[in-house]
Amino acid sequence: MKNRLAIYKALKAINVPEQQIEAVIQAMDSDMHLSSAAISDPDYAQFRAELSRFRVSLIIDIGVMLSLVMAILFAGIAFIH
């Protein structure tokens, strides 16, 4: 609603006729509706599932690297003493 008013005022300020202003606003509303509908596509669900798998993989990789760093640290401390 706020965007519609801002667009209306901007177009009115540059002397665009009322009919064209309404057409622009309706076209933008239609485009916004289509964009939000596209989000619920199966592709979006597939993307979220893949992102979830990537997150788990990343957490495991970080854990392995942290374990290796700790092992190297302890080995270095044991070597010094």
C-alpha atoms as a PDB file:
ATOM      1  CA  MET A   1       0.000   0.000   0.000  1.00  0.00           C
ATOM      2  CA  LYS A   2       2.811   2.388   0.924  1.00  0.00           C
ATOM      3  CA  ASN A   3       4.635   1.607  -2.335  1.00  0.00           C
ATOM      4  CA  ARG A   4       1.519   2.246  -4.369  1.00  0.00           C
ATOM      5  CA  LEU A   5       1.150   5.712  -2.864  1.00  0.00           C
ATOM      6  CA  ALA A   6       4.815   6.539  -3.422  1.00  0.00           C
ATOM      7  CA  ILE A   7       4.597   5.421  -7.048  1.00  0.00           C
ATOM      8  CA  TYR A   8       1.393   7.381  -7.542  1.00  0.00           C
ATOM      9  CA  LYS A   9       2.941  10.563  -6.116  1.00  0.00           C
ATOM     10  CA  ALA A  10       6.103  10.165  -8.187  1.00  0.00           C
ATOM     11  CA  LEU A  11       4.202   9.645 -11.428  1.00  0.00           C
ATOM     12  CA  LYS A  12       1.795  12.462 -10.601  1.00  0.00           C
ATOM     13  CA  ALA A  13       4.740  14.796  -9.951  1.00  0.00           C
ATOM     14  CA  ILE A  14       5.976  14.308 -13.510  1.00  0.00           C
ATOM     15  CA  ASN A  15       2.499  14.907 -14.936  1.00  0.00           C
ATOM     16  CA  VAL A  16       1.644  11.349 -15.993  1.00  0.00           C
ATOM     17  CA  PRO A  17      -2.096  11.001 -16.795  1.00  0.00           C
ATOM     18  CA  GLU A  18      -4.284   9.216 -14.196  1.00  0.00           C
ATOM     19  CA  GLN A  19      -5.105   6.298 -16.523  1.00  0.00           C
ATOM     20  CA  GLN A  20      -1.449   5.586 -17.170  1.00  0.00           C
ATOM     21  CA  ILE A  21      -0.620   5.862 -13.468  1.00  0.00           C
ATOM     22  CA  GLU A  22      -3.296   3.290 -12.658  1.00  0.00           C
ATOM     23  CA  ALA A  23      -2.056   1.011 -15.449  1.00  0.00           C
ATOM     24  CA  VAL A  24       1.519   1.180 -14.134  1.00  0.00           C
ATOM     25  CA  ILE A  25       0.408   0.441 -10.568  1.00  0.00           C
ATOM     26  CA  GLN A  26      -1.785  -2.478 -11.676  1.00  0.00           C
ATOM     27  CA  ALA A  27       1.067  -3.917 -13.757  1.00  0.00           C
ATOM     28  CA  MET A  28       3.424  -3.687 -10.801  1.00  0.00           C
ATOM     29  CA  ASP A  29       0.862  -5.313  -8.494  1.00  0.00           C
ATOM     30  CA  SER A  30       0.392  -8.112 -11.015  1.00  0.00           C
ATOM     31  CA  ASP A  31       4.157  -8.599 -11.270  1.00  0.00           C
ATOM     32  CA  MET A  32       4.515  -8.655  -7.463  1.00  0.00           C
ATOM     33  CA  HIS A  33       1.724 -11.245  -7.247  1.00  0.00           C
ATOM     34  CA  LEU A  34       3.440 -13.436  -9.843  1.00  0.00           C
ATOM     35  CA  SER A  35       6.778 -13.102  -8.037  1.00  0.00           C
ATOM     36  CA  SER A  36       5.288 -14.203  -4.734  1.00  0.00           C
ATOM     37  CA  ALA A  37       3.523 -17.112  -6.444  1.00  0.00           C
ATOM     38  CA  ALA A  38       6.807 -18.270  -7.951  1.00  0.00           C
ATOM     39  CA  ILE A  39       8.304 -18.595  -4.478  1.00  0.00           C
ATOM     40  CA  SER A  40       5.969 -21.474  -3.646  1.00  0.00           C
ATOM     41  CA  ASP A  41       7.138 -23.489  -6.650  1.00  0.00           C
ATOM     42  CA  PRO A  42       8.520 -26.988  -6.146  1.00  0.00           C
ATOM     43  CA  ASP A  43      11.893 -25.570  -7.231  1.00  0.00           C
ATOM     44  CA  TYR A  44      11.905 -23.455  -4.094  1.00  0.00           C
ATOM     45  CA  ALA A  45      11.253 -26.508  -1.919  1.00  0.00           C
ATOM     46  CA  GLN A  46      14.023 -28.381  -3.725  1.00  0.00           C
ATOM     47  CA  PHE A  47      16.367 -25.432  -3.181  1.00  0.00           C
ATOM     48  CA  ARG A  48      15.567 -25.385   0.545  1.00  0.00           C
ATOM     49  CA  ALA A  49      16.215 -29.133   0.820  1.00  0.00           C
ATOM     50  CA  GLU A  50      19.551 -28.782  -0.972  1.00  0.00           C
ATOM     51  CA  LEU A  51      20.464 -25.843   1.252  1.00  0.00           C
ATOM     52  CA  SER A  52      19.644 -27.915   4.318  1.00  0.00           C
ATOM     53  CA  ARG A  53      21.905 -30.753   3.103  1.00  0.00           C
ATOM     54  CA  PHE A  54      24.665 -28.244   2.422  1.00  0.00           C
ATOM     55  CA  ARG A  55      24.277 -26.827   5.931  1.00  0.00           C
ATOM     56  CA  VAL A  56      24.663 -30.257   7.513  1.00  0.00           C
ATOM     57  CA  SER A  57      27.688 -30.997   5.340  1.00  0.00           C
ATOM     58  CA  LEU A  58      29.248 -27.668   6.248  1.00  0.00           C
ATOM     59  CA  ILE A  59      28.739 -28.268   9.983  1.00  0.00           C
ATOM     60  CA  ILE A  60      30.381 -31.693   9.698  1.00  0.00           C
ATOM     61  CA  ASP A  61      33.315 -30.242   7.739  1.00  0.00           C
ATOM     62  CA  ILE A  62      33.832 -27.507  10.329  1.00  0.00           C
ATOM     63  CA  GLY A  63      33.751 -30.108  13.112  1.00  0.00           C
ATOM     64  CA  VAL A  64      36.363 -32.256  11.368  1.00  0.00           C
ATOM     65  CA  MET A  65      38.621 -29.256  10.782  1.00  0.00           C
ATOM     66  CA  LEU A  66      38.261 -28.138  14.405  1.00  0.00           C
ATOM     67  CA  SER A  67      39.159 -31.641  15.584  1.00  0.00           C
ATOM     68  CA  LEU A  68      42.263 -31.662  13.381  1.00  0.00           C
ATOM     69  CA  VAL A  69      43.335 -28.252  14.665  1.00  0.00           C
ATOM     70  CA  MET A  70      42.898 -29.408  18.261  1.00  0.00           C
ATOM     71  CA  ALA A  71      44.897 -32.610  17.572  1.00  0.00           C
ATOM     72  CA  ILE A  72      47.721 -30.609  16.004  1.00  0.00           C
ATOM     73  CA  LEU A  73      47.657 -28.172  18.929  1.00  0.00           C
ATOM     74  CA  PHE A  74      47.872 -30.957  21.511  1.00  0.00           C
ATOM     75  CA  ALA A  75      50.608 -32.700  19.512  1.00  0.00           C
ATOM     76  CA  GLY A  76      52.564 -29.434  19.423  1.00  0.00           C
ATOM     77  CA  ILE A  77      52.148 -28.935  23.173  1.00  0.00           C
ATOM     78  CA  ALA A  78      53.255 -32.544  23.852  1.00  0.00           C
ATOM     79  CA  PHE A  79      56.267 -32.079  21.584  1.00  0.00           C
ATOM     80  CA  ILE A  80      57.352 -28.904  23.409  1.00  0.00           C
ATOM     81  CA  HIS A  81      57.209 -30.551  26.840  1.00  0.00           C
END
